[in-house]
Amino acid sequence: MKIFLIILLIIHGIIHLMGFVKGFGIAEIQELTLPISKSGGLLWLLSSLLFMSSATLFAMQYEVWWKIALIGITLSQLLIFYSWQDAKFGSAANILVGLAILIFVFSAE
């Protein structure tokens, strides 16, 4: 379960980098058909960093990981709603991470 969550957080973070890349015109991302501004690209980058940071913190057994992941989920889902046509399947990853957070928080009590 631990390895799965770490991999999920990292992959989800990497996928968010596509919004950053498109927003800054670094590369053409054919899967993203909607325009992304530079400020939007920065938000996609921030969500990526939040997911990757939470994966690192979780792997290092710092209990704060889930708070960082929760902020990442919130930002991610807002970005997904904004780019629903292109990014709707990211909601599934956010739900899985959210369930992992619930399991962690309630098992720690």
PDB file of N, CA and C in Angstrom:
ATOM      1  N   MET A   1       0.833  -1.195   0.000  1.00  0.00           N
ATOM      2  CA  MET A   1       0.000   0.000   0.000  1.00  0.00           C
ATOM      3  C   MET A   1       0.879   1.261   0.000  1.00  0.00           C
ATOM      4  N   LYS A   2       1.936   1.242   0.817  1.00  0.00           N
ATOM      5  CA  LYS A   2       2.813   2.405   0.921  1.00  0.00           C
ATOM      6  C   LYS A   2       3.482   2.700  -0.420  1.00  0.00           C
ATOM      7  N   ILE A   3       4.009   1.677  -1.056  1.00  0.00           N
ATOM      8  CA  ILE A   3       4.684   1.858  -2.347  1.00  0.00           C
ATOM      9  C   ILE A   3       3.689   2.343  -3.399  1.00  0.00           C
ATOM     10  N   PHE A   4       2.492   1.774  -3.407  1.00  0.00           N
ATOM     11  CA  PHE A   4       1.467   2.188  -4.360  1.00  0.00           C
ATOM     12  C   PHE A   4       1.164   3.674  -4.212  1.00  0.00           C
ATOM     13  N   LEU A   5       0.999   4.128  -2.980  1.00  0.00           N
ATOM     14  CA  LEU A   5       0.675   5.536  -2.747  1.00  0.00           C
ATOM     15  C   LEU A   5       1.830   6.436  -3.182  1.00  0.00           C
ATOM     16  N   ILE A   6       3.045   6.055  -2.886  1.00  0.00           N
ATOM     17  CA  ILE A   6       4.200   6.861  -3.295  1.00  0.00           C
ATOM     18  C   ILE A   6       4.245   6.962  -4.823  1.00  0.00           C
ATOM     19  N   ILE A   7       4.057   5.838  -5.493  1.00  0.00           N
ATOM     20  CA  ILE A   7       4.066   5.834  -6.959  1.00  0.00           C
ATOM     21  C   ILE A   7       2.922   6.678  -7.508  1.00  0.00           C
ATOM     22  N   LEU A   8       1.734   6.550  -6.922  1.00  0.00           N
ATOM     23  CA  LEU A   8       0.578   7.342  -7.358  1.00  0.00           C
ATOM     24  C   LEU A   8       0.849   8.837  -7.212  1.00  0.00           C
ATOM     25  N   LEU A   9       1.385   9.242  -6.092  1.00  0.00           N
ATOM     26  CA  LEU A   9       1.678  10.656  -5.862  1.00  0.00           C
ATOM     27  C   LEU A   9       2.707  11.172  -6.871  1.00  0.00           C
ATOM     28  N   ILE A  10       3.729  10.389  -7.130  1.00  0.00           N
ATOM     29  CA  ILE A  10       4.772  10.815  -8.069  1.00  0.00           C
ATOM     30  C   ILE A  10       4.220  10.897  -9.491  1.00  0.00           C
ATOM     31  N   ILE A  11       3.503   9.869  -9.921  1.00  0.00           N
ATOM     32  CA  ILE A  11       2.946   9.881 -11.282  1.00  0.00           C
ATOM     33  C   ILE A  11       1.954  11.011 -11.452  1.00  0.00           C
ATOM     34  N   HIS A  12       1.106  11.211 -10.457  1.00  0.00           N
ATOM     35  CA  HIS A  12       0.131  12.307 -10.525  1.00  0.00           C
ATOM     36  C   HIS A  12       0.864  13.652 -10.606  1.00  0.00           C
ATOM     37  N   GLY A  13       1.940  13.787  -9.846  1.00  0.00           N
ATOM     38  CA  GLY A  13       2.745  15.005  -9.906  1.00  0.00           C
ATOM     39  C   GLY A  13       3.386  15.203 -11.270  1.00  0.00           C
ATOM     40  N   ILE A  14       3.898  14.136 -11.847  1.00  0.00           N
ATOM     41  CA  ILE A  14       4.520  14.228 -13.172  1.00  0.00           C
ATOM     42  C   ILE A  14       3.487  14.632 -14.222  1.00  0.00           C
ATOM     43  N   ILE A  15       2.296  14.058 -14.133  1.00  0.00           N
ATOM     44  CA  ILE A  15       1.238  14.397 -15.094  1.00  0.00           C
ATOM     45  C   ILE A  15       0.870  15.877 -14.993  1.00  0.00           C
ATOM     46  N   HIS A  16       0.886  16.415 -13.779  1.00  0.00           N
ATOM     47  CA  HIS A  16       0.586  17.841 -13.617  1.00  0.00           C
ATOM     48  C   HIS A  16       1.636  18.724 -14.304  1.00  0.00           C
ATOM     49  N   LEU A  17       2.829  18.211 -14.485  1.00  0.00           N
ATOM     50  CA  LEU A  17       3.866  18.982 -15.178  1.00  0.00           C
ATOM     51  C   LEU A  17       3.479  19.298 -16.618  1.00  0.00           C
ATOM     52  N   MET A  18       2.597  18.490 -17.203  1.00  0.00           N
ATOM     53  CA  MET A  18       2.163  18.754 -18.575  1.00  0.00           C
ATOM     54  C   MET A  18       1.485  20.121 -18.676  1.00  0.00           C
ATOM     55  N   GLY A  19       0.709  20.505 -17.674  1.00  0.00           N
ATOM     56  CA  GLY A  19       0.073  21.822 -17.680  1.00  0.00           C
ATOM     57  C   GLY A  19       1.095  22.940 -17.628  1.00  0.00           C
ATOM     58  N   PHE A  20       2.148  22.744 -16.846  1.00  0.00           N
ATOM     59  CA  PHE A  20       3.230  23.727 -16.776  1.00  0.00           C
ATOM     60  C   PHE A  20       3.927  23.848 -18.122  1.00  0.00           C
ATOM     61  N   VAL A  21       4.254  22.713 -18.713  1.00  0.00           N
ATOM     62  CA  VAL A  21       4.950  22.688 -20.001  1.00  0.00           C
ATOM     63  C   VAL A  21       4.127  23.380 -21.074  1.00  0.00           C
ATOM     64  N   LYS A  22       2.836  23.094 -21.107  1.00  0.00           N
ATOM     65  CA  LYS A  22       1.971  23.734 -22.107  1.00  0.00           C
ATOM     66  C   LYS A  22       1.827  25.230 -21.820  1.00  0.00           C
ATOM     67  N   GLY A  23       1.629  25.583 -20.570  1.00  0.00           N
ATOM     68  CA  GLY A  23       1.444  26.985 -20.202  1.00  0.00           C
ATOM     69  C   GLY A  23       2.625  27.860 -20.579  1.00  0.00           C
ATOM     70  N   PHE A  24       3.821  27.312 -20.514  1.00  0.00           N
ATOM     71  CA  PHE A  24       5.018  28.077 -20.838  1.00  0.00           C
ATOM     72  C   PHE A  24       5.532  27.806 -22.246  1.00  0.00           C
ATOM     73  N   GLY A  25       4.786  27.006 -23.016  1.00  0.00           N
ATOM     74  CA  GLY A  25       5.158  26.756 -24.395  1.00  0.00           C
ATOM     75  C   GLY A  25       6.464  26.000 -24.555  1.00  0.00           C
ATOM     76  N   ILE A  26       6.830  25.224 -23.559  1.00  0.00           N
ATOM     77  CA  ILE A  26       8.077  24.462 -23.611  1.00  0.00           C
ATOM     78  C   ILE A  26       7.965  23.355 -24.652  1.00  0.00           C
ATOM     79  N   ALA A  27       6.788  22.763 -24.742  1.00  0.00           N
ATOM     80  CA  ALA A  27       6.540  21.697 -25.725  1.00  0.00           C
ATOM     81  C   ALA A  27       5.054  21.672 -26.028  1.00  0.00           C
ATOM     82  N   GLU A  28       4.718  21.141 -27.175  1.00  0.00           N
ATOM     83  CA  GLU A  28       3.315  20.982 -27.545  1.00  0.00           C
ATOM     84  C   GLU A  28       2.805  19.692 -26.914  1.00  0.00           C
ATOM     85  N   ILE A  29       1.736  19.807 -26.144  1.00  0.00           N
ATOM     86  CA  ILE A  29       1.114  18.650 -25.507  1.00  0.00           C
ATOM     87  C   ILE A  29      -0.221  18.421 -26.210  1.00  0.00           C
ATOM     88  N   GLN A  30      -0.257  17.464 -27.112  1.00  0.00           N
ATOM     89  CA  GLN A  30      -1.450  17.239 -27.925  1.00  0.00           C
ATOM     90  C   GLN A  30      -2.655  16.811 -27.094  1.00  0.00           C
ATOM     91  N   GLU A  31      -2.416  16.161 -25.964  1.00  0.00           N
ATOM     92  CA  GLU A  31      -3.518  15.711 -25.110  1.00  0.00           C
ATOM     93  C   GLU A  31      -4.239  16.870 -24.435  1.00  0.00           C
ATOM     94  N   LEU A  32      -3.582  18.003 -24.335  1.00  0.00           N
ATOM     95  CA  LEU A  32      -4.190  19.184 -23.717  1.00  0.00           C
ATOM     96  C   LEU A  32      -4.637  20.129 -24.829  1.00  0.00           C
ATOM     97  N   THR A  33      -5.920  20.142 -25.080  1.00  0.00           N
ATOM     98  CA  THR A  33      -6.448  20.926 -26.194  1.00  0.00           C
ATOM     99  C   THR A  33      -6.839  22.339 -25.792  1.00  0.00           C
ATOM    100  N   LEU A  34      -7.105  22.553 -24.520  1.00  0.00           N
ATOM    101  CA  LEU A  34      -7.498  23.876 -24.044  1.00  0.00           C
ATOM    102  C   LEU A  34      -6.255  24.721 -23.757  1.00  0.00           C
ATOM    103  N   PRO A  35      -6.360  26.037 -23.960  1.00  0.00           N
ATOM    104  CA  PRO A  35      -5.197  26.897 -23.676  1.00  0.00           C
ATOM    105  C   PRO A  35      -4.911  26.976 -22.177  1.00  0.00           C
ATOM    106  N   ILE A  36      -3.634  27.128 -21.852  1.00  0.00           N
ATOM    107  CA  ILE A  36      -3.208  27.313 -20.460  1.00  0.00           C
ATOM    108  C   ILE A  36      -2.302  28.531 -20.430  1.00  0.00           C
ATOM    109  N   SER A  37      -2.648  29.490 -19.587  1.00  0.00           N
ATOM    110  CA  SER A  37      -1.846  30.706 -19.451  1.00  0.00           C
ATOM    111  C   SER A  37      -0.578  30.401 -18.647  1.00  0.00           C
ATOM    112  N   LYS A  38       0.329  31.353 -18.632  1.00  0.00           N
ATOM    113  CA  LYS A  38       1.543  31.171 -17.831  1.00  0.00           C
ATOM    114  C   LYS A  38       1.205  31.090 -16.345  1.00  0.00           C
ATOM    115  N   SER A  39       0.259  31.917 -15.886  1.00  0.00           N
ATOM    116  CA  SER A  39      -0.119  31.824 -14.473  1.00  0.00           C
ATOM    117  C   SER A  39      -0.785  30.478 -14.192  1.00  0.00           C
ATOM    118  N   GLY A  40      -1.582  29.989 -15.130  1.00  0.00           N
ATOM    119  CA  GLY A  40      -2.157  28.652 -14.988  1.00  0.00           C
ATOM    120  C   GLY A  40      -1.068  27.596 -14.973  1.00  0.00           C
ATOM    121  N   GLY A  41      -0.063  27.762 -15.826  1.00  0.00           N
ATOM    122  CA  GLY A  41       1.061  26.838 -15.856  1.00  0.00           C
ATOM    123  C   GLY A  41       1.797  26.783 -14.526  1.00  0.00           C
ATOM    124  N   LEU A  42       1.928  27.940 -13.890  1.00  0.00           N
ATOM    125  CA  LEU A  42       2.564  27.975 -12.564  1.00  0.00           C
ATOM    126  C   LEU A  42       1.741  27.219 -11.529  1.00  0.00           C
ATOM    127  N   LEU A  43       0.416  27.307 -11.633  1.00  0.00           N
ATOM    128  CA  LEU A  43      -0.443  26.565 -10.708  1.00  0.00           C
ATOM    129  C   LEU A  43      -0.325  25.056 -10.935  1.00  0.00           C
ATOM    130  N   TRP A  44      -0.219  24.653 -12.212  1.00  0.00           N
ATOM    131  CA  TRP A  44      -0.003  23.235 -12.508  1.00  0.00           C
ATOM    132  C   TRP A  44       1.342  22.784 -11.931  1.00  0.00           C
ATOM    133  N   LEU A  45       2.368  23.631 -12.037  1.00  0.00           N
ATOM    134  CA  LEU A  45       3.673  23.310 -11.466  1.00  0.00           C
ATOM    135  C   LEU A  45       3.587  23.200  -9.947  1.00  0.00           C
ATOM    136  N   LEU A  46       2.881  24.129  -9.314  1.00  0.00           N
ATOM    137  CA  LEU A  46       2.735  24.089  -7.863  1.00  0.00           C
ATOM    138  C   LEU A  46       2.053  22.803  -7.420  1.00  0.00           C
ATOM    139  N   SER A  47       1.003  22.401  -8.126  1.00  0.00           N
ATOM    140  CA  SER A  47       0.324  21.160  -7.741  1.00  0.00           C
ATOM    141  C   SER A  47       1.264  19.964  -7.918  1.00  0.00           C
ATOM    142  N   SER A  48       2.072  19.985  -8.963  1.00  0.00           N
ATOM    143  CA  SER A  48       3.049  18.922  -9.168  1.00  0.00           C
ATOM    144  C   SER A  48       4.023  18.855  -7.995  1.00  0.00           C
ATOM    145  N   LEU A  49       4.540  19.995  -7.601  1.00  0.00           N
ATOM    146  CA  LEU A  49       5.494  20.042  -6.490  1.00  0.00           C
ATOM    147  C   LEU A  49       4.855  19.586  -5.181  1.00  0.00           C
ATOM    148  N   LEU A  50       3.581  19.925  -4.984  1.00  0.00           N
ATOM    149  CA  LEU A  50       2.889  19.493  -3.769  1.00  0.00           C
ATOM    150  C   LEU A  50       2.763  17.973  -3.727  1.00  0.00           C
ATOM    151  N   PHE A  51       2.403  17.357  -4.849  1.00  0.00           N
ATOM    152  CA  PHE A  51       2.276  15.898  -4.875  1.00  0.00           C
ATOM    153  C   PHE A  51       3.629  15.219  -4.695  1.00  0.00           C
ATOM    154  N   MET A  52       4.648  15.728  -5.360  1.00  0.00           N
ATOM    155  CA  MET A  52       5.966  15.102  -5.238  1.00  0.00           C
ATOM    156  C   MET A  52       6.558  15.305  -3.839  1.00  0.00           C
ATOM    157  N   SER A  53       6.312  16.465  -3.260  1.00  0.00           N
ATOM    158  CA  SER A  53       6.774  16.720  -1.888  1.00  0.00           C
ATOM    159  C   SER A  53       6.063  15.793  -0.903  1.00  0.00           C
ATOM    160  N   SER A  54       4.766  15.619  -1.095  1.00  0.00           N
ATOM    161  CA  SER A  54       4.025  14.742  -0.179  1.00  0.00           C
ATOM    162  C   SER A  54       4.505  13.296  -0.324  1.00  0.00           C
ATOM    163  N   ALA A  55       4.850  12.876  -1.543  1.00  0.00           N
ATOM    164  CA  ALA A  55       5.387  11.525  -1.739  1.00  0.00           C
ATOM    165  C   ALA A  55       6.706  11.357  -0.983  1.00  0.00           C
ATOM    166  N   THR A  56       7.555  12.359  -1.070  1.00  0.00           N
ATOM    167  CA  THR A  56       8.845  12.315  -0.371  1.00  0.00           C
ATOM    168  C   THR A  56       8.637  12.288   1.142  1.00  0.00           C
ATOM    169  N   LEU A  57       7.759  13.149   1.636  1.00  0.00           N
ATOM    170  CA  LEU A  57       7.491  13.199   3.074  1.00  0.00           C
ATOM    171  C   LEU A  57       6.876  11.897   3.575  1.00  0.00           C
ATOM    172  N   PHE A  58       5.972  11.315   2.781  1.00  0.00           N
ATOM    173  CA  PHE A  58       5.360  10.040   3.156  1.00  0.00           C
ATOM    174  C   PHE A  58       6.413   8.938   3.205  1.00  0.00           C
ATOM    175  N   ALA A  59       7.281   8.903   2.201  1.00  0.00           N
ATOM    176  CA  ALA A  59       8.338   7.890   2.161  1.00  0.00           C
ATOM    177  C   ALA A  59       9.288   8.031   3.355  1.00  0.00           C
ATOM    178  N   MET A  60       9.489   9.266   3.802  1.00  0.00           N
ATOM    179  CA  MET A  60      10.370   9.522   4.934  1.00  0.00           C
ATOM    180  C   MET A  60       9.637   9.455   6.274  1.00  0.00           C
ATOM    181  N   GLN A  61       8.354   9.096   6.218  1.00  0.00           N
ATOM    182  CA  GLN A  61       7.499   8.894   7.393  1.00  0.00           C
ATOM    183  C   GLN A  61       7.266  10.162   8.210  1.00  0.00           C
ATOM    184  N   TYR A  62       7.180  11.288   7.526  1.00  0.00           N
ATOM    185  CA  TYR A  62       6.779  12.531   8.185  1.00  0.00           C
ATOM    186  C   TYR A  62       5.263  12.633   8.104  1.00  0.00           C
ATOM    187  N   GLU A  63       4.623  12.757   9.256  1.00  0.00           N
ATOM    188  CA  GLU A  63       3.161  12.745   9.273  1.00  0.00           C
ATOM    189  C   GLU A  63       2.523  13.950   8.598  1.00  0.00           C
ATOM    190  N   VAL A  64       3.270  14.963   8.310  1.00  0.00           N
ATOM    191  CA  VAL A  64       2.732  16.155   7.653  1.00  0.00           C
ATOM    192  C   VAL A  64       2.421  15.903   6.169  1.00  0.00           C
ATOM    193  N   TRP A  65       2.849  14.766   5.625  1.00  0.00           N
ATOM    194  CA  TRP A  65       2.672  14.468   4.201  1.00  0.00           C
ATOM    195  C   TRP A  65       1.235  14.657   3.749  1.00  0.00           C
ATOM    196  N   TRP A  66       0.298  14.216   4.590  1.00  0.00           N
ATOM    197  CA  TRP A  66      -1.096  14.228   4.150  1.00  0.00           C
ATOM    198  C   TRP A  66      -1.654  15.651   4.069  1.00  0.00           C
ATOM    199  N   LYS A  67      -1.128  16.568   4.851  1.00  0.00           N
ATOM    200  CA  LYS A  67      -1.578  17.958   4.771  1.00  0.00           C
ATOM    201  C   LYS A  67      -1.118  18.585   3.448  1.00  0.00           C
ATOM    202  N   ILE A  68       0.105  18.286   3.063  1.00  0.00           N
ATOM    203  CA  ILE A  68       0.626  18.762   1.777  1.00  0.00           C
ATOM    204  C   ILE A  68      -0.170  18.129   0.637  1.00  0.00           C
ATOM    205  N   ALA A  69      -0.438  16.830   0.749  1.00  0.00           N
ATOM    206  CA  ALA A  69      -1.220  16.131  -0.285  1.00  0.00           C
ATOM    207  C   ALA A  69      -2.632  16.697  -0.372  1.00  0.00           C
ATOM    208  N   LEU A  70      -3.222  17.050   0.752  1.00  0.00           N
ATOM    209  CA  LEU A  70      -4.580  17.608   0.751  1.00  0.00           C
ATOM    210  C   LEU A  70      -4.621  18.959   0.036  1.00  0.00           C
ATOM    211  N   ILE A  71      -3.616  19.770   0.251  1.00  0.00           N
ATOM    212  CA  ILE A  71      -3.517  21.036  -0.479  1.00  0.00           C
ATOM    213  C   ILE A  71      -3.342  20.742  -1.967  1.00  0.00           C
ATOM    214  N   GLY A  72      -2.515  19.743  -2.283  1.00  0.00           N
ATOM    215  CA  GLY A  72      -2.314  19.343  -3.677  1.00  0.00           C
ATOM    216  C   GLY A  72      -3.600  18.867  -4.330  1.00  0.00           C
ATOM    217  N   ILE A  73      -4.376  18.057  -3.614  1.00  0.00           N
ATOM    218  CA  ILE A  73      -5.649  17.572  -4.144  1.00  0.00           C
ATOM    219  C   ILE A  73      -6.590  18.736  -4.425  1.00  0.00           C
ATOM    220  N   THR A  74      -6.660  19.658  -3.492  1.00  0.00           N
ATOM    221  CA  THR A  74      -7.562  20.798  -3.647  1.00  0.00           C
ATOM    222  C   THR A  74      -7.190  21.627  -4.869  1.00  0.00           C
ATOM    223  N   LEU A  75      -5.922  21.981  -4.984  1.00  0.00           N
ATOM    224  CA  LEU A  75      -5.469  22.750  -6.137  1.00  0.00           C
ATOM    225  C   LEU A  75      -5.643  21.944  -7.420  1.00  0.00           C
ATOM    226  N   SER A  76      -5.278  20.680  -7.380  1.00  0.00           N
ATOM    227  CA  SER A  76      -5.410  19.819  -8.543  1.00  0.00           C
ATOM    228  C   SER A  76      -6.856  19.762  -9.029  1.00  0.00           C
ATOM    229  N   GLN A  77      -7.778  19.575  -8.100  1.00  0.00           N
ATOM    230  CA  GLN A  77      -9.176  19.439  -8.505  1.00  0.00           C
ATOM    231  C   GLN A  77      -9.713  20.751  -9.071  1.00  0.00           C
ATOM    232  N   LEU A  78      -9.284  21.872  -8.534  1.00  0.00           N
ATOM    233  CA  LEU A  78      -9.677  23.165  -9.111  1.00  0.00           C
ATOM    234  C   LEU A  78      -9.160  23.296 -10.539  1.00  0.00           C
ATOM    235  N   LEU A  79      -7.919  22.908 -10.759  1.00  0.00           N
ATOM    236  CA  LEU A  79      -7.341  22.953 -12.101  1.00  0.00           C
ATOM    237  C   LEU A  79      -8.054  21.966 -13.033  1.00  0.00           C
ATOM    238  N   ILE A  80      -8.411  20.807 -12.513  1.00  0.00           N
ATOM    239  CA  ILE A  80      -9.126  19.818 -13.318  1.00  0.00           C
ATOM    240  C   ILE A  80     -10.498  20.350 -13.712  1.00  0.00           C
ATOM    241  N   PHE A  81     -11.200  20.970 -12.776  1.00  0.00           N
ATOM    242  CA  PHE A  81     -12.511  21.546 -13.113  1.00  0.00           C
ATOM    243  C   PHE A  81     -12.366  22.591 -14.217  1.00  0.00           C
ATOM    244  N   TYR A  82     -11.306  23.386 -14.134  1.00  0.00           N
ATOM    245  CA  TYR A  82     -11.071  24.427 -15.131  1.00  0.00           C
ATOM    246  C   TYR A  82     -10.755  23.835 -16.503  1.00  0.00           C
ATOM    247  N   SER A  83     -10.086  22.679 -16.517  1.00  0.00           N
ATOM    248  CA  SER A  83      -9.694  22.014 -17.768  1.00  0.00           C
ATOM    249  C   SER A  83     -10.383  20.653 -17.886  1.00  0.00           C
ATOM    250  N   TRP A  84     -11.634  20.596 -17.499  1.00  0.00           N
ATOM    251  CA  TRP A  84     -12.362  19.334 -17.392  1.00  0.00           C
ATOM    252  C   TRP A  84     -12.240  18.464 -18.644  1.00  0.00           C
ATOM    253  N   GLN A  85     -12.406  19.058 -19.805  1.00  0.00           N
ATOM    254  CA  GLN A  85     -12.365  18.308 -21.062  1.00  0.00           C
ATOM    255  C   GLN A  85     -11.067  17.513 -21.203  1.00  0.00           C
ATOM    256  N   ASP A  86      -9.974  18.098 -20.788  1.00  0.00           N
ATOM    257  CA  ASP A  86      -8.660  17.467 -20.947  1.00  0.00           C
ATOM    258  C   ASP A  86      -8.218  16.657 -19.723  1.00  0.00           C
ATOM    259  N   ALA A  87      -8.670  17.047 -18.536  1.00  0.00           N
ATOM    260  CA  ALA A  87      -8.050  16.525 -17.315  1.00  0.00           C
ATOM    261  C   ALA A  87      -8.993  15.773 -16.377  1.00  0.00           C
ATOM    262  N   LYS A  88     -10.198  15.479 -16.811  1.00  0.00           N
ATOM    263  CA  LYS A  88     -11.201  14.894 -15.910  1.00  0.00           C
ATOM    264  C   LYS A  88     -10.752  13.595 -15.243  1.00  0.00           C
ATOM    265  N   PHE A  89      -9.912  12.802 -15.909  1.00  0.00           N
ATOM    266  CA  PHE A  89      -9.497  11.528 -15.331  1.00  0.00           C
ATOM    267  C   PHE A  89      -8.548  11.703 -14.145  1.00  0.00           C
ATOM    268  N   GLY A  90      -7.988  12.890 -13.999  1.00  0.00           N
ATOM    269  CA  GLY A  90      -7.160  13.183 -12.826  1.00  0.00           C
ATOM    270  C   GLY A  90      -7.970  13.160 -11.541  1.00  0.00           C
ATOM    271  N   SER A  91      -9.277  13.323 -11.655  1.00  0.00           N
ATOM    272  CA  SER A  91     -10.145  13.255 -10.477  1.00  0.00           C
ATOM    273  C   SER A  91     -10.044  11.891  -9.806  1.00  0.00           C
ATOM    274  N   ALA A  92      -9.882  10.839 -10.592  1.00  0.00           N
ATOM    275  CA  ALA A  92      -9.755   9.492 -10.027  1.00  0.00           C
ATOM    276  C   ALA A  92      -8.517   9.398  -9.143  1.00  0.00           C
ATOM    277  N   ALA A  93      -7.408   9.965  -9.596  1.00  0.00           N
ATOM    278  CA  ALA A  93      -6.180   9.960  -8.783  1.00  0.00           C
ATOM    279  C   ALA A  93      -6.387  10.768  -7.508  1.00  0.00           C
ATOM    280  N   ASN A  94      -7.073  11.912  -7.631  1.00  0.00           N
ATOM    281  CA  ASN A  94      -7.339  12.728  -6.446  1.00  0.00           C
ATOM    282  C   ASN A  94      -8.210  11.971  -5.444  1.00  0.00           C
ATOM    283  N   ILE A  95      -9.177  11.219  -5.930  1.00  0.00           N
ATOM    284  CA  ILE A  95     -10.031  10.429  -5.040  1.00  0.00           C
ATOM    285  C   ILE A  95      -9.205   9.355  -4.327  1.00  0.00           C
ATOM    286  N   LEU A  96      -8.336   8.671  -5.062  1.00  0.00           N
ATOM    287  CA  LEU A  96      -7.492   7.642  -4.439  1.00  0.00           C
ATOM    288  C   LEU A  96      -6.573   8.234  -3.377  1.00  0.00           C
ATOM    289  N   VAL A  97      -5.974   9.372  -3.671  1.00  0.00           N
ATOM    290  CA  VAL A  97      -5.106  10.020  -2.685  1.00  0.00           C
ATOM    291  C   VAL A  97      -5.939  10.469  -1.483  1.00  0.00           C
ATOM    292  N   GLY A  98      -7.116  11.000  -1.743  1.00  0.00           N
ATOM    293  CA  GLY A  98      -8.008  11.415  -0.656  1.00  0.00           C
ATOM    294  C   GLY A  98      -8.392  10.248   0.243  1.00  0.00           C
ATOM    295  N   LEU A  99      -8.688   9.090  -0.356  1.00  0.00           N
ATOM    296  CA  LEU A  99      -9.006   7.900   0.440  1.00  0.00           C
ATOM    297  C   LEU A  99      -7.807   7.469   1.282  1.00  0.00           C
ATOM    298  N   ALA A 100      -6.617   7.541   0.705  1.00  0.00           N
ATOM    299  CA  ALA A 100      -5.407   7.193   1.455  1.00  0.00           C
ATOM    300  C   ALA A 100      -5.224   8.139   2.639  1.00  0.00           C
ATOM    301  N   ILE A 101      -5.518   9.404   2.437  1.00  0.00           N
ATOM    302  CA  ILE A 101      -5.420  10.374   3.534  1.00  0.00           C
ATOM    303  C   ILE A 101      -6.407  10.017   4.639  1.00  0.00           C
ATOM    304  N   LEU A 102      -7.642   9.705   4.265  1.00  0.00           N
ATOM    305  CA  LEU A 102      -8.651   9.326   5.262  1.00  0.00           C
ATOM    306  C   LEU A 102      -8.207   8.098   6.051  1.00  0.00           C
ATOM    307  N   ILE A 103      -7.694   7.094   5.348  1.00  0.00           N
ATOM    308  CA  ILE A 103      -7.220   5.885   6.025  1.00  0.00           C
ATOM    309  C   ILE A 103      -6.087   6.225   6.987  1.00  0.00           C
ATOM    310  N   PHE A 104      -5.152   7.052   6.544  1.00  0.00           N
ATOM    311  CA  PHE A 104      -4.012   7.421   7.382  1.00  0.00           C
ATOM    312  C   PHE A 104      -4.476   8.190   8.628  1.00  0.00           C
ATOM    313  N   VAL A 105      -5.315   9.190   8.423  1.00  0.00           N
ATOM    314  CA  VAL A 105      -5.741  10.059   9.531  1.00  0.00           C
ATOM    315  C   VAL A 105      -6.545   9.267  10.565  1.00  0.00           C
ATOM    316  N   PHE A 106      -7.457   8.430  10.082  1.00  0.00           N
ATOM    317  CA  PHE A 106      -8.305   7.700  11.023  1.00  0.00           C
ATOM    318  C   PHE A 106      -7.610   6.496  11.636  1.00  0.00           C
ATOM    319  N   SER A 107      -6.585   5.976  10.998  1.00  0.00           N
ATOM    320  CA  SER A 107      -5.846   4.859  11.609  1.00  0.00           C
ATOM    321  C   SER A 107      -4.820   5.372  12.616  1.00  0.00           C
ATOM    322  N   ALA A 108      -4.455   6.653  12.515  1.00  0.00           N
ATOM    323  CA  ALA A 108      -3.476   7.233  13.437  1.00  0.00           C
ATOM    324  C   ALA A 108      -4.096   7.590  14.779  1.00  0.00           C
ATOM    325  N   GLU A 109      -5.409   7.652  14.824  1.00  0.00           N
ATOM    326  CA  GLU A 109      -6.079   8.050  16.089  1.00  0.00           C
ATOM    327  C   GLU A 109      -6.185   6.925  17.063  1.00  0.00           C
TER     328      GLU A 109
END
